[in-house]
Amino acid sequence: MPTTARQDVNTKHLENQIQEQRREIARLKGRIGDVVDELGSVKNDLSSFKEKLSEDLTKIVEKIVENN
């Protein structure tokens, strides 16, 4: 069964949509990778902050106990 001009236009339109979606998916995958990297960095920073805060609070408590 031969294709009609209308079917050819629809096929071309769908092919273009698929290509656009592939590009968008690739862009989003890259962005997700960036977000994952950033989240890892934030987790490391938070862990370091907690550790330093704990050390500082320990020093403060020790000074208070010393002065009493």
PDB file of N, CA and C in Angstrom:
ATOM      1  N   MET A   1       0.849  -1.178   0.000  1.00  0.00           N
ATOM      2  CA  MET A   1       0.000   0.000   0.000  1.00  0.00           C
ATOM      3  C   MET A   1       0.890   1.235   0.000  1.00  0.00           C
ATOM      4  N   PRO A   2       0.814   2.059  -1.012  1.00  0.00           N
ATOM      5  CA  PRO A   2       1.655   3.252  -1.090  1.00  0.00           C
ATOM      6  C   PRO A   2       1.243   4.291  -0.039  1.00  0.00           C
ATOM      7  N   THR A   3       2.261   5.044   0.418  1.00  0.00           N
ATOM      8  CA  THR A   3       1.963   6.067   1.421  1.00  0.00           C
ATOM      9  C   THR A   3       1.452   7.321   0.738  1.00  0.00           C
ATOM     10  N   THR A   4       0.656   8.047   1.463  1.00  0.00           N
ATOM     11  CA  THR A   4       0.136   9.305   0.941  1.00  0.00           C
ATOM     12  C   THR A   4       1.033  10.434   1.398  1.00  0.00           C
ATOM     13  N   ALA A   5       0.864  11.580   0.783  1.00  0.00           N
ATOM     14  CA  ALA A   5       1.655  12.750   1.160  1.00  0.00           C
ATOM     15  C   ALA A   5       1.392  13.109   2.611  1.00  0.00           C
ATOM     16  N   ARG A   6       0.153  12.933   3.018  1.00  0.00           N
ATOM     17  CA  ARG A   6      -0.217  13.241   4.413  1.00  0.00           C
ATOM     18  C   ARG A   6       0.513  12.309   5.380  1.00  0.00           C
ATOM     19  N   GLN A   7       0.589  11.033   5.049  1.00  0.00           N
ATOM     20  CA  GLN A   7       1.308  10.075   5.893  1.00  0.00           C
ATOM     21  C   GLN A   7       2.789  10.415   5.953  1.00  0.00           C
ATOM     22  N   ASP A   8       3.337  10.838   4.825  1.00  0.00           N
ATOM     23  CA  ASP A   8       4.753  11.222   4.792  1.00  0.00           C
ATOM     24  C   ASP A   8       5.016  12.430   5.699  1.00  0.00           C
ATOM     25  N   VAL A   9       4.105  13.390   5.678  1.00  0.00           N
ATOM     26  CA  VAL A   9       4.227  14.584   6.532  1.00  0.00           C
ATOM     27  C   VAL A   9       4.130  14.173   8.000  1.00  0.00           C
ATOM     28  N   ASN A  10       3.174  13.324   8.315  1.00  0.00           N
ATOM     29  CA  ASN A  10       3.015  12.860   9.699  1.00  0.00           C
ATOM     30  C   ASN A  10       4.243  12.085  10.162  1.00  0.00           C
ATOM     31  N   THR A  11       4.760  11.235   9.289  1.00  0.00           N
ATOM     32  CA  THR A  11       5.952  10.457   9.629  1.00  0.00           C
ATOM     33  C   THR A  11       7.138  11.386   9.884  1.00  0.00           C
ATOM     34  N   LYS A  12       7.318  12.352   9.023  1.00  0.00           N
ATOM     35  CA  LYS A  12       8.427  13.308   9.184  1.00  0.00           C
ATOM     36  C   LYS A  12       8.264  14.092  10.486  1.00  0.00           C
ATOM     37  N   HIS A  13       7.033  14.503  10.773  1.00  0.00           N
ATOM     38  CA  HIS A  13       6.763  15.241  12.006  1.00  0.00           C
ATOM     39  C   HIS A  13       7.105  14.381  13.231  1.00  0.00           C
ATOM     40  N   LEU A  14       6.703  13.130  13.215  1.00  0.00           N
ATOM     41  CA  LEU A  14       6.997  12.232  14.328  1.00  0.00           C
ATOM     42  C   LEU A  14       8.500  11.980  14.458  1.00  0.00           C
ATOM     43  N   GLU A  15       9.186  11.840  13.341  1.00  0.00           N
ATOM     44  CA  GLU A  15      10.638  11.650  13.377  1.00  0.00           C
ATOM     45  C   GLU A  15      11.323  12.869  13.999  1.00  0.00           C
ATOM     46  N   ASN A  16      10.846  14.062  13.641  1.00  0.00           N
ATOM     47  CA  ASN A  16      11.400  15.294  14.220  1.00  0.00           C
ATOM     48  C   ASN A  16      11.141  15.358  15.721  1.00  0.00           C
ATOM     49  N   GLN A  17       9.941  14.969  16.129  1.00  0.00           N
ATOM     50  CA  GLN A  17       9.619  14.962  17.562  1.00  0.00           C
ATOM     51  C   GLN A  17      10.528  13.988  18.310  1.00  0.00           C
ATOM     52  N   ILE A  18      10.752  12.828  17.734  1.00  0.00           N
ATOM     53  CA  ILE A  18      11.622  11.838  18.377  1.00  0.00           C
ATOM     54  C   ILE A  18      13.035  12.392  18.524  1.00  0.00           C
ATOM     55  N   GLN A  19      13.534  13.040  17.492  1.00  0.00           N
ATOM     56  CA  GLN A  19      14.877  13.620  17.568  1.00  0.00           C
ATOM     57  C   GLN A  19      14.949  14.695  18.655  1.00  0.00           C
ATOM     58  N   GLU A  20      13.936  15.549  18.719  1.00  0.00           N
ATOM     59  CA  GLU A  20      13.896  16.591  19.752  1.00  0.00           C
ATOM     60  C   GLU A  20      13.850  15.970  21.144  1.00  0.00           C
ATOM     61  N   GLN A  21      13.058  14.921  21.296  1.00  0.00           N
ATOM     62  CA  GLN A  21      12.955  14.258  22.591  1.00  0.00           C
ATOM     63  C   GLN A  21      14.268  13.588  22.973  1.00  0.00           C
ATOM     64  N   ARG A  22      14.963  13.017  22.012  1.00  0.00           N
ATOM     65  CA  ARG A  22      16.275  12.406  22.291  1.00  0.00           C
ATOM     66  C   ARG A  22      17.266  13.456  22.791  1.00  0.00           C
ATOM     67  N   ARG A  23      17.256  14.618  22.116  1.00  0.00           N
ATOM     68  CA  ARG A  23      18.154  15.703  22.554  1.00  0.00           C
ATOM     69  C   ARG A  23      17.799  16.176  23.962  1.00  0.00           C
ATOM     70  N   GLU A  24      16.514  16.330  24.211  1.00  0.00           N
ATOM     71  CA  GLU A  24      16.060  16.780  25.530  1.00  0.00           C
ATOM     72  C   GLU A  24      16.400  15.755  26.611  1.00  0.00           C
ATOM     73  N   ILE A  25      16.225  14.486  26.321  1.00  0.00           N
ATOM     74  CA  ILE A  25      16.570  13.428  27.278  1.00  0.00           C
ATOM     75  C   ILE A  25      18.061  13.443  27.561  1.00  0.00           C
ATOM     76  N   ALA A  26      18.867  13.606  26.532  1.00  0.00           N
ATOM     77  CA  ALA A  26      20.323  13.668  26.724  1.00  0.00           C
ATOM     78  C   ALA A  26      20.697  14.872  27.600  1.00  0.00           C
ATOM     79  N   ARG A  27      20.049  16.009  27.342  1.00  0.00           N
ATOM     80  CA  ARG A  27      20.318  17.212  28.144  1.00  0.00           C
ATOM     81  C   ARG A  27      19.921  16.985  29.601  1.00  0.00           C
ATOM     82  N   LEU A  28      18.764  16.374  29.805  1.00  0.00           N
ATOM     83  CA  LEU A  28      18.292  16.121  31.167  1.00  0.00           C
ATOM     84  C   LEU A  28      19.179  15.108  31.892  1.00  0.00           C
ATOM     85  N   LYS A  29      19.667  14.102  31.172  1.00  0.00           N
ATOM     86  CA  LYS A  29      20.589  13.140  31.788  1.00  0.00           C
ATOM     87  C   LYS A  29      21.852  13.853  32.264  1.00  0.00           C
ATOM     88  N   GLY A  30      22.349  14.762  31.453  1.00  0.00           N
ATOM     89  CA  GLY A  30      23.520  15.545  31.855  1.00  0.00           C
ATOM     90  C   GLY A  30      23.234  16.387  33.084  1.00  0.00           C
ATOM     91  N   ARG A  31      22.075  17.001  33.101  1.00  0.00           N
ATOM     92  CA  ARG A  31      21.682  17.839  34.243  1.00  0.00           C
ATOM     93  C   ARG A  31      21.535  16.993  35.508  1.00  0.00           C
ATOM     94  N   ILE A  32      20.961  15.797  35.365  1.00  0.00           N
ATOM     95  CA  ILE A  32      20.824  14.906  36.519  1.00  0.00           C
ATOM     96  C   ILE A  32      22.205  14.544  37.051  1.00  0.00           C
ATOM     97  N   GLY A  33      23.140  14.273  36.155  1.00  0.00           N
ATOM     98  CA  GLY A  33      24.511  13.985  36.579  1.00  0.00           C
ATOM     99  C   GLY A  33      25.109  15.147  37.356  1.00  0.00           C
ATOM    100  N   ASP A  34      24.857  16.368  36.893  1.00  0.00           N
ATOM    101  CA  ASP A  34      25.352  17.561  37.593  1.00  0.00           C
ATOM    102  C   ASP A  34      24.745  17.674  38.989  1.00  0.00           C
ATOM    103  N   VAL A  35      23.453  17.414  39.075  1.00  0.00           N
ATOM    104  CA  VAL A  35      22.755  17.505  40.365  1.00  0.00           C
ATOM    105  C   VAL A  35      23.274  16.435  41.326  1.00  0.00           C
ATOM    106  N   VAL A  36      23.513  15.238  40.814  1.00  0.00           N
ATOM    107  CA  VAL A  36      24.051  14.164  41.661  1.00  0.00           C
ATOM    108  C   VAL A  36      25.416  14.563  42.202  1.00  0.00           C
ATOM    109  N   ASP A  37      26.264  15.132  41.345  1.00  0.00           N
ATOM    110  CA  ASP A  37      27.588  15.584  41.787  1.00  0.00           C
ATOM    111  C   ASP A  37      27.465  16.668  42.847  1.00  0.00           C
ATOM    112  N   GLU A  38      26.568  17.609  42.616  1.00  0.00           N
ATOM    113  CA  GLU A  38      26.361  18.703  43.570  1.00  0.00           C
ATOM    114  C   GLU A  38      25.852  18.170  44.908  1.00  0.00           C
ATOM    115  N   LEU A  39      24.953  17.213  44.865  1.00  0.00           N
ATOM    116  CA  LEU A  39      24.428  16.622  46.091  1.00  0.00           C
ATOM    117  C   LEU A  39      25.542  15.929  46.880  1.00  0.00           C
ATOM    118  N   GLY A  40      26.423  15.248  46.177  1.00  0.00           N
ATOM    119  CA  GLY A  40      27.560  14.617  46.847  1.00  0.00           C
ATOM    120  C   GLY A  40      28.432  15.645  47.548  1.00  0.00           C
ATOM    121  N   SER A  41      28.650  16.759  46.876  1.00  0.00           N
ATOM    122  CA  SER A  41      29.443  17.837  47.459  1.00  0.00           C
ATOM    123  C   SER A  41      28.756  18.419  48.699  1.00  0.00           C
ATOM    124  N   VAL A  42      27.457  18.618  48.623  1.00  0.00           N
ATOM    125  CA  VAL A  42      26.702  19.159  49.764  1.00  0.00           C
ATOM    126  C   VAL A  42      26.758  18.177  50.940  1.00  0.00           C
ATOM    127  N   LYS A  43      26.641  16.899  50.658  1.00  0.00           N
ATOM    128  CA  LYS A  43      26.724  15.894  51.729  1.00  0.00           C
ATOM    129  C   LYS A  43      28.080  15.944  52.411  1.00  0.00           C
ATOM    130  N   ASN A  44      29.147  16.058  51.624  1.00  0.00           N
ATOM    131  CA  ASN A  44      30.492  16.149  52.208  1.00  0.00           C
ATOM    132  C   ASN A  44      30.642  17.409  53.053  1.00  0.00           C
ATOM    133  N   ASP A  45      30.139  18.525  52.541  1.00  0.00           N
ATOM    134  CA  ASP A  45      30.217  19.778  53.287  1.00  0.00           C
ATOM    135  C   ASP A  45      29.438  19.685  54.596  1.00  0.00           C
ATOM    136  N   LEU A  46      28.265  19.087  54.554  1.00  0.00           N
ATOM    137  CA  LEU A  46      27.437  18.945  55.753  1.00  0.00           C
ATOM    138  C   LEU A  46      28.122  18.051  56.781  1.00  0.00           C
ATOM    139  N   SER A  47      28.723  16.993  56.322  1.00  0.00           N
ATOM    140  CA  SER A  47      29.427  16.087  57.224  1.00  0.00           C
ATOM    141  C   SER A  47      30.593  16.809  57.904  1.00  0.00           C
ATOM    142  N   SER A  48      31.337  17.563  57.115  1.00  0.00           N
ATOM    143  CA  SER A  48      32.456  18.330  57.662  1.00  0.00           C
ATOM    144  C   SER A  48      31.955  19.377  58.663  1.00  0.00           C
ATOM    145  N   PHE A  49      30.867  20.047  58.324  1.00  0.00           N
ATOM    146  CA  PHE A  49      30.294  21.053  59.217  1.00  0.00           C
ATOM    147  C   PHE A  49      29.883  20.431  60.547  1.00  0.00           C
ATOM    148  N   LYS A  50      29.218  19.277  60.488  1.00  0.00           N
ATOM    149  CA  LYS A  50      28.788  18.596  61.716  1.00  0.00           C
ATOM    150  C   LYS A  50      29.990  18.239  62.586  1.00  0.00           C
ATOM    151  N   GLU A  51      31.032  17.736  61.954  1.00  0.00           N
ATOM    152  CA  GLU A  51      32.222  17.346  62.701  1.00  0.00           C
ATOM    153  C   GLU A  51      32.863  18.547  63.387  1.00  0.00           C
ATOM    154  N   LYS A  52      33.005  19.635  62.647  1.00  0.00           N
ATOM    155  CA  LYS A  52      33.618  20.845  63.221  1.00  0.00           C
ATOM    156  C   LYS A  52      32.742  21.454  64.309  1.00  0.00           C
ATOM    157  N   LEU A  53      31.434  21.432  64.098  1.00  0.00           N
ATOM    158  CA  LEU A  53      30.512  21.949  65.116  1.00  0.00           C
ATOM    159  C   LEU A  53      30.613  21.133  66.396  1.00  0.00           C
ATOM    160  N   SER A  54      30.688  19.835  66.254  1.00  0.00           N
ATOM    161  CA  SER A  54      30.818  18.955  67.420  1.00  0.00           C
ATOM    162  C   SER A  54      32.104  19.255  68.183  1.00  0.00           C
ATOM    163  N   GLU A  55      33.184  19.434  67.442  1.00  0.00           N
ATOM    164  CA  GLU A  55      34.464  19.757  68.088  1.00  0.00           C
ATOM    165  C   GLU A  55      34.382  21.086  68.828  1.00  0.00           C
ATOM    166  N   ASP A  56      33.789  22.081  68.178  1.00  0.00           N
ATOM    167  CA  ASP A  56      33.658  23.400  68.802  1.00  0.00           C
ATOM    168  C   ASP A  56      32.789  23.345  70.062  1.00  0.00           C
ATOM    169  N   LEU A  57      31.681  22.632  69.990  1.00  0.00           N
ATOM    170  CA  LEU A  57      30.810  22.529  71.160  1.00  0.00           C
ATOM    171  C   LEU A  57      31.499  21.793  72.305  1.00  0.00           C
ATOM    172  N   THR A  58      32.278  20.772  71.972  1.00  0.00           N
ATOM    173  CA  THR A  58      33.030  20.051  72.998  1.00  0.00           C
ATOM    174  C   THR A  58      34.008  20.989  73.695  1.00  0.00           C
ATOM    175  N   LYS A  59      34.702  21.823  72.926  1.00  0.00           N
ATOM    176  CA  LYS A  59      35.650  22.787  73.503  1.00  0.00           C
ATOM    177  C   LYS A  59      34.926  23.784  74.405  1.00  0.00           C
ATOM    178  N   ILE A  60      33.766  24.243  73.975  1.00  0.00           N
ATOM    179  CA  ILE A  60      33.001  25.207  74.769  1.00  0.00           C
ATOM    180  C   ILE A  60      32.569  24.584  76.094  1.00  0.00           C
ATOM    181  N   VAL A  61      32.058  23.376  76.031  1.00  0.00           N
ATOM    182  CA  VAL A  61      31.610  22.698  77.238  1.00  0.00           C
ATOM    183  C   VAL A  61      32.797  22.471  78.167  1.00  0.00           C
ATOM    184  N   GLU A  62      33.931  22.066  77.631  1.00  0.00           N
ATOM    185  CA  GLU A  62      35.130  21.853  78.463  1.00  0.00           C
ATOM    186  C   GLU A  62      35.553  23.149  79.143  1.00  0.00           C
ATOM    187  N   LYS A  63      35.498  24.269  78.426  1.00  0.00           N
ATOM    188  CA  LYS A  63      35.865  25.560  79.030  1.00  0.00           C
ATOM    189  C   LYS A  63      34.894  25.933  80.142  1.00  0.00           C
ATOM    190  N   ILE A  64      33.611  25.683  79.927  1.00  0.00           N
ATOM    191  CA  ILE A  64      32.621  25.996  80.952  1.00  0.00           C
ATOM    192  C   ILE A  64      32.867  25.155  82.196  1.00  0.00           C
ATOM    193  N   VAL A  65      33.142  23.878  81.998  1.00  0.00           N
ATOM    194  CA  VAL A  65      33.401  22.975  83.128  1.00  0.00           C
ATOM    195  C   VAL A  65      34.677  23.406  83.842  1.00  0.00           C
ATOM    196  N   GLU A  66      35.692  23.813  83.103  1.00  0.00           N
ATOM    197  CA  GLU A  66      36.954  24.266  83.691  1.00  0.00           C
ATOM    198  C   GLU A  66      36.768  25.487  84.579  1.00  0.00           C
ATOM    199  N   ASN A  67      35.921  26.393  84.148  1.00  0.00           N
ATOM    200  CA  ASN A  67      35.725  27.648  84.862  1.00  0.00           C
ATOM    201  C   ASN A  67      34.777  27.533  86.053  1.00  0.00           C
ATOM    202  N   ASN A  68      34.182  26.400  86.227  1.00  0.00           N
ATOM    203  CA  ASN A  68      33.272  26.236  87.376  1.00  0.00           C
ATOM    204  C   ASN A  68      33.951  25.539  88.506  1.00  0.00           C
TER     205      ASN A  68
END
